Amino acid sequence: MENSTKSQMDNQLQKLKITYWSDYACPFCYIGETRLEKALKELDLVDITDVQMKAFELDPNADSSKPYTSVDILLSRKYGIPLESAKAQVNRISSLGQEEGIDFKFANVITTRKDVSKIIHLLFNAYYTKNVKLSDREILLDLAEKVGLEKQEVIDMLSSKDFIKEVRRDEMEAYKMGVHGVPFFTINGKYTINGCESISRMKQIITDALTDQLGESAHGMYCGVDGCH
């Protein structure tokens, strides 16, 4: 996108608003978020887009006291499928991750996420590529400090019931829209991306939303998958 055109759009547009529901224990959420970032960068829309993550626990009853368990065993138990089928699915997820530059390491992970909120990239990376136990508050505090969050504020947040209430509000909002799985994205509250779509498909949906937003005020501008002009 030419700088003059981008400046013109910045003056004419309100921020494009993208809200998505995610669970850090969902590898497809990591892939989906990575693809969304790439789509926005390729469309040169990062600076005029507000992105908000909301919580959606796929397994709210996960037990943090359980020892580490391999993901293929977890999948086999959860969905009642043969272990070999579960391993094949894990391999498929790993391949999808590699395409996006994500080095999934599924050897051992723990599934609880009661105390996880922000630090999205760091959490995804720590959970999937380093296999750290995110139910350990000391690990969370260390990660929080690495991104500049105040330690005491994080301690207060983890100790507060308000955070759990916020998670439940996020989930209730999703349920009211008929969402039962993640990742799930909404654009300007109108357009949706359900699941781990390709970058090209995400770009098309974002483009449709932006074209709709531009409307009559665009004065001949149009948007395509290569950007807005």
C-alpha atoms as a PDB file:
ATOM      1  CA  MET A   1       0.000   0.000   0.000  1.00  0.00           C
ATOM      2  CA  GLU A   2       1.419   3.408  -0.984  1.00  0.00           C
ATOM      3  CA  ASN A   3       2.155   5.738   1.945  1.00  0.00           C
ATOM      4  CA  SER A   4      -0.151   8.471   0.588  1.00  0.00           C
ATOM      5  CA  THR A   5      -3.006   6.011   0.185  1.00  0.00           C
ATOM      6  CA  LYS A   6      -2.403   4.581   3.628  1.00  0.00           C
ATOM      7  CA  SER A   7      -2.390   8.085   5.119  1.00  0.00           C
ATOM      8  CA  GLN A   8      -5.645   8.834   3.323  1.00  0.00           C
ATOM      9  CA  MET A   9      -7.197   5.663   4.721  1.00  0.00           C
ATOM     10  CA  ASP A  10      -5.930   6.406   8.224  1.00  0.00           C
ATOM     11  CA  ASN A  11      -7.775   9.725   8.089  1.00  0.00           C
ATOM     12  CA  GLN A  12     -10.985   8.233   6.711  1.00  0.00           C
ATOM     13  CA  LEU A  13     -11.218   5.023   8.703  1.00  0.00           C
ATOM     14  CA  GLN A  14     -12.076   4.177  12.214  1.00  0.00           C
ATOM     15  CA  LYS A  15      -9.961   1.352  13.544  1.00  0.00           C
ATOM     16  CA  LEU A  16     -10.746  -2.070  12.150  1.00  0.00           C
ATOM     17  CA  LYS A  17     -11.747  -4.105  15.206  1.00  0.00           C
ATOM     18  CA  ILE A  18     -10.908  -7.798  15.426  1.00  0.00           C
ATOM     19  CA  THR A  19     -11.961  -9.819  18.461  1.00  0.00           C
ATOM     20  CA  TYR A  20     -11.037 -13.448  18.824  1.00  0.00           C
ATOM     21  CA  TRP A  21     -11.644 -16.193  21.346  1.00  0.00           C
ATOM     22  CA  SER A  22      -8.756 -18.487  22.139  1.00  0.00           C
ATOM     23  CA  ASP A  23      -7.416 -21.089  24.554  1.00  0.00           C
ATOM     24  CA  TYR A  24      -3.660 -21.300  24.971  1.00  0.00           C
ATOM     25  CA  ALA A  25      -3.953 -25.090  25.252  1.00  0.00           C
ATOM     26  CA  CYS A  26      -5.373 -25.187  21.707  1.00  0.00           C
ATOM     27  CA  PRO A  27      -2.575 -25.469  19.116  1.00  0.00           C
ATOM     28  CA  PHE A  28      -4.936 -24.376  16.348  1.00  0.00           C
ATOM     29  CA  CYS A  29      -5.394 -21.093  18.239  1.00  0.00           C
ATOM     30  CA  TYR A  30      -1.648 -20.501  18.085  1.00  0.00           C
ATOM     31  CA  ILE A  31      -1.646 -21.248  14.360  1.00  0.00           C
ATOM     32  CA  GLY A  32      -4.745 -19.113  13.802  1.00  0.00           C
ATOM     33  CA  GLU A  33      -3.309 -16.139  15.666  1.00  0.00           C
ATOM     34  CA  THR A  34      -0.041 -16.412  13.732  1.00  0.00           C
ATOM     35  CA  ARG A  35      -1.919 -16.487  10.430  1.00  0.00           C
ATOM     36  CA  LEU A  36      -4.016 -13.489  11.444  1.00  0.00           C
ATOM     37  CA  GLU A  37      -0.873 -11.484  12.158  1.00  0.00           C
ATOM     38  CA  LYS A  38       0.598 -12.441   8.799  1.00  0.00           C
ATOM     39  CA  ALA A  39      -2.640 -11.550   7.001  1.00  0.00           C
ATOM     40  CA  LEU A  40      -2.741  -8.098   8.606  1.00  0.00           C
ATOM     41  CA  LYS A  41       0.922  -7.489   7.779  1.00  0.00           C
ATOM     42  CA  GLU A  42       0.485  -8.564   4.164  1.00  0.00           C
ATOM     43  CA  LEU A  43      -2.516  -6.224   3.852  1.00  0.00           C
ATOM     44  CA  ASP A  44      -0.544  -3.461   5.608  1.00  0.00           C
ATOM     45  CA  LEU A  45      -3.366  -3.017   8.120  1.00  0.00           C
ATOM     46  CA  VAL A  46      -1.518  -3.539  11.403  1.00  0.00           C
ATOM     47  CA  ASP A  47      -1.508   0.168  12.293  1.00  0.00           C
ATOM     48  CA  ILE A  48      -5.238   0.643  11.726  1.00  0.00           C
ATOM     49  CA  THR A  49      -6.419  -2.544  13.445  1.00  0.00           C
ATOM     50  CA  ASP A  50      -7.321  -3.139  17.087  1.00  0.00           C
ATOM     51  CA  VAL A  51      -7.022  -6.813  18.023  1.00  0.00           C
ATOM     52  CA  GLN A  52      -8.533  -8.101  21.265  1.00  0.00           C
ATOM     53  CA  MET A  53      -8.241 -11.627  22.619  1.00  0.00           C
ATOM     54  CA  LYS A  54     -10.970 -13.152  24.788  1.00  0.00           C
ATOM     55  CA  ALA A  55     -10.834 -16.346  26.803  1.00  0.00           C
ATOM     56  CA  PHE A  56     -12.517 -19.621  25.928  1.00  0.00           C
ATOM     57  CA  GLU A  57     -11.573 -22.685  27.980  1.00  0.00           C
ATOM     58  CA  LEU A  58     -12.035 -25.874  26.013  1.00  0.00           C
ATOM     59  CA  ASP A  59     -11.587 -27.950  29.173  1.00  0.00           C
ATOM     60  CA  PRO A  60     -12.395 -25.783  32.227  1.00  0.00           C
ATOM     61  CA  ASN A  61     -12.185 -28.790  34.539  1.00  0.00           C
ATOM     62  CA  ALA A  62      -8.576 -29.650  33.688  1.00  0.00           C
ATOM     63  CA  ASP A  63      -6.618 -30.715  36.769  1.00  0.00           C
ATOM     64  CA  SER A  64      -3.371 -28.818  37.335  1.00  0.00           C
ATOM     65  CA  SER A  65      -2.204 -31.386  39.880  1.00  0.00           C
ATOM     66  CA  LYS A  66      -1.862 -34.088  37.235  1.00  0.00           C
ATOM     67  CA  PRO A  67       1.650 -35.004  36.102  1.00  0.00           C
ATOM     68  CA  TYR A  68       2.835 -34.153  32.613  1.00  0.00           C
ATOM     69  CA  THR A  69       1.170 -36.273  29.941  1.00  0.00           C
ATOM     70  CA  SER A  70       1.969 -36.567  26.250  1.00  0.00           C
ATOM     71  CA  VAL A  71      -0.537 -34.885  23.960  1.00  0.00           C
ATOM     72  CA  ASP A  72      -1.251 -37.988  21.904  1.00  0.00           C
ATOM     73  CA  ILE A  73      -2.313 -39.829  25.077  1.00  0.00           C
ATOM     74  CA  LEU A  74      -4.480 -36.874  26.127  1.00  0.00           C
ATOM     75  CA  LEU A  75      -6.195 -36.810  22.720  1.00  0.00           C
ATOM     76  CA  SER A  76      -6.712 -40.553  22.765  1.00  0.00           C
ATOM     77  CA  ARG A  77      -8.363 -40.401  26.188  1.00  0.00           C
ATOM     78  CA  LYS A  78     -10.423 -37.274  25.545  1.00  0.00           C
ATOM     79  CA  TYR A  79     -11.905 -38.341  22.212  1.00  0.00           C
ATOM     80  CA  GLY A  80     -11.816 -42.109  22.645  1.00  0.00           C
ATOM     81  CA  ILE A  81      -9.675 -42.662  19.568  1.00  0.00           C
ATOM     82  CA  PRO A  82      -6.831 -45.142  19.043  1.00  0.00           C
ATOM     83  CA  LEU A  83      -3.420 -43.916  20.118  1.00  0.00           C
ATOM     84  CA  GLU A  84      -2.077 -44.212  16.572  1.00  0.00           C
ATOM     85  CA  SER A  85      -4.865 -41.950  15.294  1.00  0.00           C
ATOM     86  CA  ALA A  86      -4.058 -39.439  18.019  1.00  0.00           C
ATOM     87  CA  LYS A  87      -0.367 -39.512  17.066  1.00  0.00           C
ATOM     88  CA  ALA A  88      -1.290 -38.888  13.424  1.00  0.00           C
ATOM     89  CA  GLN A  89      -3.330 -35.856  14.446  1.00  0.00           C
ATOM     90  CA  VAL A  90      -0.447 -34.506  16.537  1.00  0.00           C
ATOM     91  CA  ASN A  91       1.878 -34.926  13.545  1.00  0.00           C
ATOM     92  CA  ARG A  92      -0.585 -33.045  11.343  1.00  0.00           C
ATOM     93  CA  ILE A  93      -0.756 -30.159  13.824  1.00  0.00           C
ATOM     94  CA  SER A  94       3.038 -30.092  13.994  1.00  0.00           C
ATOM     95  CA  SER A  95       3.248 -29.889  10.199  1.00  0.00           C
ATOM     96  CA  LEU A  96       0.755 -27.024  10.101  1.00  0.00           C
ATOM     97  CA  GLY A  97       2.776 -25.247  12.758  1.00  0.00           C
ATOM     98  CA  GLN A  98       6.021 -25.670  10.831  1.00  0.00           C
ATOM     99  CA  GLU A  99       4.416 -23.999   7.811  1.00  0.00           C
ATOM    100  CA  GLU A 100       3.877 -20.917   9.993  1.00  0.00           C
ATOM    101  CA  GLY A 101       7.300 -21.033  11.653  1.00  0.00           C
ATOM    102  CA  ILE A 102       6.021 -22.610  14.882  1.00  0.00           C
ATOM    103  CA  ASP A 103       8.154 -25.362  16.379  1.00  0.00           C
ATOM    104  CA  PHE A 104       5.563 -27.384  18.282  1.00  0.00           C
ATOM    105  CA  LYS A 105       7.002 -29.740  20.884  1.00  0.00           C
ATOM    106  CA  PHE A 106       4.209 -31.980  22.072  1.00  0.00           C
ATOM    107  CA  ALA A 107       6.242 -34.402  24.180  1.00  0.00           C
ATOM    108  CA  ASN A 108       4.829 -33.327  27.539  1.00  0.00           C
ATOM    109  CA  VAL A 109       2.249 -30.680  28.345  1.00  0.00           C
ATOM    110  CA  ILE A 110      -0.144 -29.966  31.183  1.00  0.00           C
ATOM    111  CA  THR A 111      -3.675 -28.873  30.414  1.00  0.00           C
ATOM    112  CA  THR A 112      -4.867 -26.483  33.121  1.00  0.00           C
ATOM    113  CA  ARG A 113      -5.162 -22.747  32.389  1.00  0.00           C
ATOM    114  CA  LYS A 114      -7.103 -21.147  35.236  1.00  0.00           C
ATOM    115  CA  ASP A 115      -4.461 -18.490  35.855  1.00  0.00           C
ATOM    116  CA  VAL A 116      -3.475 -17.616  32.290  1.00  0.00           C
ATOM    117  CA  SER A 117      -4.534 -14.277  30.833  1.00  0.00           C
ATOM    118  CA  LYS A 118      -2.211 -12.008  28.882  1.00  0.00           C
ATOM    119  CA  ILE A 119       1.276 -12.396  27.423  1.00  0.00           C
ATOM    120  CA  ILE A 120      -0.235 -14.299  24.508  1.00  0.00           C
ATOM    121  CA  HIS A 121       2.795 -14.863  22.324  1.00  0.00           C
ATOM    122  CA  LEU A 122       5.091 -15.639  25.217  1.00  0.00           C
ATOM    123  CA  LEU A 123       2.591 -18.075  26.683  1.00  0.00           C
ATOM    124  CA  PHE A 124       2.015 -19.883  23.394  1.00  0.00           C
ATOM    125  CA  ASN A 125       5.743 -20.096  22.769  1.00  0.00           C
ATOM    126  CA  ALA A 126       6.546 -21.237  26.302  1.00  0.00           C
ATOM    127  CA  TYR A 127       3.757 -23.811  26.324  1.00  0.00           C
ATOM    128  CA  TYR A 128       4.274 -25.355  22.914  1.00  0.00           C
ATOM    129  CA  THR A 129       7.965 -24.973  22.122  1.00  0.00           C
ATOM    130  CA  LYS A 130       9.443 -25.201  25.619  1.00  0.00           C
ATOM    131  CA  ASN A 131       6.769 -27.315  27.350  1.00  0.00           C
ATOM    132  CA  VAL A 132       6.719 -25.196  30.488  1.00  0.00           C
ATOM    133  CA  LYS A 133       3.961 -25.768  33.045  1.00  0.00           C
ATOM    134  CA  LEU A 134       1.785 -22.670  32.880  1.00  0.00           C
ATOM    135  CA  SER A 135      -0.233 -23.703  35.925  1.00  0.00           C
ATOM    136  CA  ASP A 136       2.889 -22.900  37.981  1.00  0.00           C
ATOM    137  CA  ARG A 137       2.452 -19.318  39.194  1.00  0.00           C
ATOM    138  CA  GLU A 138       6.177 -18.743  39.557  1.00  0.00           C
ATOM    139  CA  ILE A 139       6.603 -19.512  35.865  1.00  0.00           C
ATOM    140  CA  LEU A 140       3.750 -17.139  35.015  1.00  0.00           C
ATOM    141  CA  LEU A 141       5.341 -14.396  37.112  1.00  0.00           C
ATOM    142  CA  ASP A 142       8.661 -14.905  35.376  1.00  0.00           C
ATOM    143  CA  LEU A 143       7.013 -14.683  31.951  1.00  0.00           C
ATOM    144  CA  ALA A 144       5.074 -11.594  33.017  1.00  0.00           C
ATOM    145  CA  GLU A 145       8.233  -9.821  34.128  1.00  0.00           C
ATOM    146  CA  LYS A 146       9.869 -10.601  30.791  1.00  0.00           C
ATOM    147  CA  VAL A 147       7.241  -8.533  28.984  1.00  0.00           C
ATOM    148  CA  GLY A 148       7.356  -5.674  31.477  1.00  0.00           C
ATOM    149  CA  LEU A 149       4.333  -6.404  33.653  1.00  0.00           C
ATOM    150  CA  GLU A 150       4.535  -5.432  37.321  1.00  0.00           C
ATOM    151  CA  LYS A 151       5.018  -8.533  39.460  1.00  0.00           C
ATOM    152  CA  GLN A 152       2.660  -7.415  42.234  1.00  0.00           C
ATOM    153  CA  GLU A 153      -0.075  -6.547  39.745  1.00  0.00           C
ATOM    154  CA  VAL A 154       0.181 -10.032  38.257  1.00  0.00           C
ATOM    155  CA  ILE A 155       0.103 -11.617  41.731  1.00  0.00           C
ATOM    156  CA  ASP A 156      -3.026  -9.613  42.563  1.00  0.00           C
ATOM    157  CA  MET A 157      -4.643 -10.615  39.280  1.00  0.00           C
ATOM    158  CA  LEU A 158      -3.925 -14.307  39.797  1.00  0.00           C
ATOM    159  CA  SER A 159      -5.335 -14.123  43.330  1.00  0.00           C
ATOM    160  CA  SER A 160      -8.475 -12.268  42.324  1.00  0.00           C
ATOM    161  CA  LYS A 161     -11.783 -13.926  41.534  1.00  0.00           C
ATOM    162  CA  ASP A 162     -12.510 -11.042  39.167  1.00  0.00           C
ATOM    163  CA  PHE A 163     -10.287 -12.669  36.564  1.00  0.00           C
ATOM    164  CA  ILE A 164     -12.295 -15.896  36.652  1.00  0.00           C
ATOM    165  CA  LYS A 165     -15.479 -13.846  36.293  1.00  0.00           C
ATOM    166  CA  GLU A 166     -13.980 -12.103  33.279  1.00  0.00           C
ATOM    167  CA  VAL A 167     -13.163 -15.446  31.671  1.00  0.00           C
ATOM    168  CA  ARG A 168     -16.723 -16.630  32.249  1.00  0.00           C
ATOM    169  CA  ARG A 169     -18.086 -13.402  30.714  1.00  0.00           C
ATOM    170  CA  ASP A 170     -15.905 -13.950  27.660  1.00  0.00           C
ATOM    171  CA  GLU A 171     -17.159 -17.508  27.328  1.00  0.00           C
ATOM    172  CA  MET A 172     -20.809 -16.512  27.815  1.00  0.00           C
ATOM    173  CA  GLU A 173     -20.462 -13.892  25.086  1.00  0.00           C
ATOM    174  CA  ALA A 174     -19.099 -16.575  22.766  1.00  0.00           C
ATOM    175  CA  TYR A 175     -21.834 -19.071  23.656  1.00  0.00           C
ATOM    176  CA  LYS A 176     -24.504 -16.471  22.859  1.00  0.00           C
ATOM    177  CA  MET A 177     -23.046 -16.225  19.357  1.00  0.00           C
ATOM    178  CA  GLY A 178     -23.192 -19.993  18.983  1.00  0.00           C
ATOM    179  CA  VAL A 179     -19.452 -20.508  19.427  1.00  0.00           C
ATOM    180  CA  HIS A 180     -18.439 -23.909  20.768  1.00  0.00           C
ATOM    181  CA  GLY A 181     -14.856 -24.121  19.546  1.00  0.00           C
ATOM    182  CA  VAL A 182     -11.813 -21.949  19.031  1.00  0.00           C
ATOM    183  CA  PRO A 183     -10.161 -20.084  17.453  1.00  0.00           C
ATOM    184  CA  PHE A 184     -13.095 -17.879  16.512  1.00  0.00           C
ATOM    185  CA  PHE A 185     -12.655 -14.359  15.133  1.00  0.00           C
ATOM    186  CA  THR A 186     -15.087 -11.493  14.575  1.00  0.00           C
ATOM    187  CA  ILE A 187     -14.281  -8.439  12.457  1.00  0.00           C
ATOM    188  CA  ASN A 188     -16.196  -5.262  13.258  1.00  0.00           C
ATOM    189  CA  GLY A 189     -18.742  -7.467  15.002  1.00  0.00           C
ATOM    190  CA  LYS A 190     -20.123  -8.561  11.622  1.00  0.00           C
ATOM    191  CA  TYR A 191     -17.712 -10.768   9.701  1.00  0.00           C
ATOM    192  CA  THR A 192     -16.467 -14.017  11.225  1.00  0.00           C
ATOM    193  CA  ILE A 193     -13.598 -16.448  10.801  1.00  0.00           C
ATOM    194  CA  ASN A 194     -14.414 -19.802  12.345  1.00  0.00           C
ATOM    195  CA  GLY A 195     -11.452 -22.064  12.951  1.00  0.00           C
ATOM    196  CA  CYS A 196      -7.918 -22.112  11.627  1.00  0.00           C
ATOM    197  CA  GLU A 197      -8.427 -20.653   8.147  1.00  0.00           C
ATOM    198  CA  SER A 198      -5.659 -20.128   5.600  1.00  0.00           C
ATOM    199  CA  ILE A 199      -3.921 -16.754   5.370  1.00  0.00           C
ATOM    200  CA  SER A 200      -5.447 -16.138   1.934  1.00  0.00           C
ATOM    201  CA  ARG A 201      -8.949 -16.826   3.254  1.00  0.00           C
ATOM    202  CA  MET A 202      -8.358 -14.563   6.264  1.00  0.00           C
ATOM    203  CA  LYS A 203      -7.152 -11.798   3.949  1.00  0.00           C
ATOM    204  CA  GLN A 204     -10.286 -12.105   1.844  1.00  0.00           C
ATOM    205  CA  ILE A 205     -12.635 -11.894   4.840  1.00  0.00           C
ATOM    206  CA  ILE A 206     -10.692  -8.961   6.336  1.00  0.00           C
ATOM    207  CA  THR A 207     -10.789  -7.269   2.922  1.00  0.00           C
ATOM    208  CA  ASP A 208     -14.566  -7.738   2.715  1.00  0.00           C
ATOM    209  CA  ALA A 209     -14.970  -6.227   6.182  1.00  0.00           C
ATOM    210  CA  LEU A 210     -12.735  -3.281   5.338  1.00  0.00           C
ATOM    211  CA  THR A 211     -14.498  -2.626   2.027  1.00  0.00           C
ATOM    212  CA  ASP A 212     -17.795  -2.636   3.902  1.00  0.00           C
ATOM    213  CA  GLN A 213     -16.350  -0.232   6.466  1.00  0.00           C
ATOM    214  CA  LEU A 214     -15.031   2.119   3.799  1.00  0.00           C
ATOM    215  CA  GLY A 215     -18.420   2.325   2.125  1.00  0.00           C
ATOM    216  CA  GLU A 216     -19.326   5.563   0.440  1.00  0.00           C
ATOM    217  CA  SER A 217     -16.555   7.569   2.132  1.00  0.00           C
ATOM    218  CA  ALA A 218     -13.769   5.818   0.222  1.00  0.00           C
ATOM    219  CA  HIS A 219     -14.100   8.060  -2.885  1.00  0.00           C
ATOM    220  CA  GLY A 220     -13.200   5.349  -5.346  1.00  0.00           C
ATOM    221  CA  MET A 221     -10.772   3.409  -3.160  1.00  0.00           C
ATOM    222  CA  TYR A 222     -11.094  -0.341  -3.174  1.00  0.00           C
ATOM    223  CA  CYS A 223      -9.591  -3.243  -1.257  1.00  0.00           C
ATOM    224  CA  GLY A 224      -8.255  -6.538  -2.535  1.00  0.00           C
ATOM    225  CA  VAL A 225      -6.133  -9.333  -1.123  1.00  0.00           C
ATOM    226  CA  ASP A 226      -3.008  -7.399  -2.100  1.00  0.00           C
ATOM    227  CA  GLY A 227      -4.072  -4.393  -0.030  1.00  0.00           C
ATOM    228  CA  CYS A 228      -6.243  -1.270  -0.293  1.00  0.00           C
ATOM    229  CA  HIS A 229      -5.778   1.317  -3.041  1.00  0.00           C
END
